Every structure is written in C-alpha cells, then in structure tokens.
Amino acid sequence: MKNTYSRSLSKKKVMSTDGMLIGMIKNILVDLDTGLVIDLVVKPDPTFDTGGYTMDGDRMFIPFEAVKDIKDYIVVDRYLSKK
C-alpha cells in the first residue's frame, strides 16, 4: 500500500472486501512510541451488524492490519476486522 496522509482519510467510507458498507471513518489510533497506526475508529452504518467487533459506545475499532486498500473507499477484510 502506498503512503497516505491522515488528512486524506477524513470522512472516507469504509467497505469490506465483499462490498458491504461498514461505516465512515472518524479517527485513527496511533502508537505514539512507534508512529504506527493501530486502529481505525469508525462510525458504523446503521445497517451494519457490529456483533463481534470491538465497540466503545457508537464507535467501532477496526485493526489497521485489516486494511487492504485506500482509494475512494477504505477497503478492509471484514473477517480480519473482528478481534
């Protein structure tokens, strides 16, 4: 995956590799010691079943390892997204 600036991620939609709309990115979690992105913080779409995902209130956390591509959408592997 090529380098991507965090400001370009603002309000991008998050989709699974099988075409399901997961939600919209709200923020990212970064390890301040290493500078690596740990999680995407996503506001889930009302139609998306959040069962099995890490949730905190209305925020869902998707591990960055699940990200497959970043273009018009952030594409994630739905099965790697579950913790």
C-alpha atoms as a PDB file:
ATOM      1  CA  MET A   1       0.000   0.000   0.000  1.00  0.00           C
ATOM      2  CA  LYS A   2       1.348   3.429  -0.881  1.00  0.00           C
ATOM      3  CA  ASN A   3       1.821   6.192   1.678  1.00  0.00           C
ATOM      4  CA  THR A   4      -1.364   8.034   2.625  1.00  0.00           C
ATOM      5  CA  TYR A   5      -1.721  11.234   4.636  1.00  0.00           C
ATOM      6  CA  SER A   6      -4.117  11.059   7.565  1.00  0.00           C
ATOM      7  CA  ARG A   7      -5.979  14.184   6.448  1.00  0.00           C
ATOM      8  CA  SER A   8      -6.946  12.388   3.212  1.00  0.00           C
ATOM      9  CA  LEU A   9      -8.763   9.746   5.291  1.00  0.00           C
ATOM     10  CA  SER A  10     -11.223  12.242   6.754  1.00  0.00           C
ATOM     11  CA  LYS A  11     -14.830  11.153   6.242  1.00  0.00           C
ATOM     12  CA  LYS A  12     -13.971   8.301   3.875  1.00  0.00           C
ATOM     13  CA  LYS A  13     -16.393   5.406   3.761  1.00  0.00           C
ATOM     14  CA  VAL A  14     -15.167   2.035   4.980  1.00  0.00           C
ATOM     15  CA  MET A  15     -16.205  -1.019   2.944  1.00  0.00           C
ATOM     16  CA  SER A  16     -15.460  -4.706   3.252  1.00  0.00           C
ATOM     17  CA  THR A  17     -13.713  -6.671   0.531  1.00  0.00           C
ATOM     18  CA  ASP A  18     -17.080  -8.271  -0.274  1.00  0.00           C
ATOM     19  CA  GLY A  19     -18.687  -4.854  -0.954  1.00  0.00           C
ATOM     20  CA  MET A  20     -20.571  -4.346   2.317  1.00  0.00           C
ATOM     21  CA  LEU A  21     -20.692  -0.763   3.652  1.00  0.00           C
ATOM     22  CA  ILE A  22     -19.277  -0.806   7.190  1.00  0.00           C
ATOM     23  CA  GLY A  23     -19.407   2.894   8.021  1.00  0.00           C
ATOM     24  CA  MET A  24     -17.453   6.151   7.920  1.00  0.00           C
ATOM     25  CA  ILE A  25     -14.008   6.773   9.381  1.00  0.00           C
ATOM     26  CA  LYS A  26     -13.994   9.208  12.284  1.00  0.00           C
ATOM     27  CA  ASN A  27     -10.426   8.973  13.575  1.00  0.00           C
ATOM     28  CA  ILE A  28      -7.328   6.796  13.820  1.00  0.00           C
ATOM     29  CA  LEU A  29      -5.419   5.433  16.829  1.00  0.00           C
ATOM     30  CA  VAL A  30      -1.638   5.705  16.615  1.00  0.00           C
ATOM     31  CA  ASP A  31       1.072   4.210  18.828  1.00  0.00           C
ATOM     32  CA  LEU A  32       2.990   7.326  19.862  1.00  0.00           C
ATOM     33  CA  ASP A  33       6.196   5.371  20.525  1.00  0.00           C
ATOM     34  CA  THR A  34       6.400   3.751  17.087  1.00  0.00           C
ATOM     35  CA  GLY A  35       4.197   6.056  14.999  1.00  0.00           C
ATOM     36  CA  LEU A  36       2.296   3.065  13.619  1.00  0.00           C
ATOM     37  CA  VAL A  37      -1.457   3.182  13.083  1.00  0.00           C
ATOM     38  CA  ILE A  38      -3.150   0.683  15.401  1.00  0.00           C
ATOM     39  CA  ASP A  39      -6.885   1.042  14.698  1.00  0.00           C
ATOM     40  CA  LEU A  40      -9.353   2.895  12.537  1.00  0.00           C
ATOM     41  CA  VAL A  41     -12.170   4.468  14.539  1.00  0.00           C
ATOM     42  CA  VAL A  42     -15.369   4.069  12.524  1.00  0.00           C
ATOM     43  CA  LYS A  43     -18.952   5.211  12.985  1.00  0.00           C
ATOM     44  CA  PRO A  44     -20.806   2.096  11.806  1.00  0.00           C
ATOM     45  CA  ASP A  45     -23.567   2.322   9.219  1.00  0.00           C
ATOM     46  CA  PRO A  46     -26.979   1.693  10.838  1.00  0.00           C
ATOM     47  CA  THR A  47     -27.496  -1.351   8.589  1.00  0.00           C
ATOM     48  CA  PHE A  48     -24.162  -2.972   9.563  1.00  0.00           C
ATOM     49  CA  ASP A  49     -24.199  -5.765  12.168  1.00  0.00           C
ATOM     50  CA  THR A  50     -21.498  -4.805  14.695  1.00  0.00           C
ATOM     51  CA  GLY A  51     -21.627  -8.142  16.547  1.00  0.00           C
ATOM     52  CA  GLY A  52     -18.120  -9.490  17.162  1.00  0.00           C
ATOM     53  CA  TYR A  53     -16.420  -6.130  16.635  1.00  0.00           C
ATOM     54  CA  THR A  54     -14.722  -4.034  19.310  1.00  0.00           C
ATOM     55  CA  MET A  55     -17.115  -1.230  20.222  1.00  0.00           C
ATOM     56  CA  ASP A  56     -16.974   1.769  22.562  1.00  0.00           C
ATOM     57  CA  GLY A  57     -20.342   3.498  22.595  1.00  0.00           C
ATOM     58  CA  ASP A  58     -21.160   4.371  18.985  1.00  0.00           C
ATOM     59  CA  ARG A  59     -17.551   3.884  17.811  1.00  0.00           C
ATOM     60  CA  MET A  60     -16.196   0.715  16.256  1.00  0.00           C
ATOM     61  CA  PHE A  61     -12.477  -0.112  16.188  1.00  0.00           C
ATOM     62  CA  ILE A  62     -11.020  -1.875  13.149  1.00  0.00           C
ATOM     63  CA  PRO A  63      -7.403  -3.087  13.365  1.00  0.00           C
ATOM     64  CA  PHE A  64      -5.212  -1.436  10.746  1.00  0.00           C
ATOM     65  CA  GLU A  65      -3.930  -4.872   9.708  1.00  0.00           C
ATOM     66  CA  ALA A  66      -7.365  -5.465   8.145  1.00  0.00           C
ATOM     67  CA  VAL A  67      -6.937  -2.562   5.683  1.00  0.00           C
ATOM     68  CA  LYS A  68      -6.413  -3.871   2.154  1.00  0.00           C
ATOM     69  CA  ASP A  69      -6.652  -0.693   0.066  1.00  0.00           C
ATOM     70  CA  ILE A  70      -7.208   3.054   0.384  1.00  0.00           C
ATOM     71  CA  LYS A  71      -8.607   4.890  -2.618  1.00  0.00           C
ATOM     72  CA  ASP A  72     -12.141   6.289  -2.913  1.00  0.00           C
ATOM     73  CA  TYR A  73     -13.056   3.951  -0.047  1.00  0.00           C
ATOM     74  CA  ILE A  74     -11.061   2.311   2.702  1.00  0.00           C
ATOM     75  CA  VAL A  75     -11.362  -1.395   1.936  1.00  0.00           C
ATOM     76  CA  VAL A  76     -10.955  -3.808   4.840  1.00  0.00           C
ATOM     77  CA  ASP A  77     -11.115  -7.558   5.249  1.00  0.00           C
ATOM     78  CA  ARG A  78     -14.286  -7.983   7.303  1.00  0.00           C
ATOM     79  CA  TYR A  79     -13.065 -11.169   8.945  1.00  0.00           C
ATOM     80  CA  LEU A  80      -9.694  -9.710   9.986  1.00  0.00           C
ATOM     81  CA  SER A  81     -11.592  -6.719  11.404  1.00  0.00           C
ATOM     82  CA  LYS A  82     -13.032  -8.731  14.289  1.00  0.00           C
ATOM     83  CA  LYS A  83     -10.998  -9.000  17.480  1.00  0.00           C
END
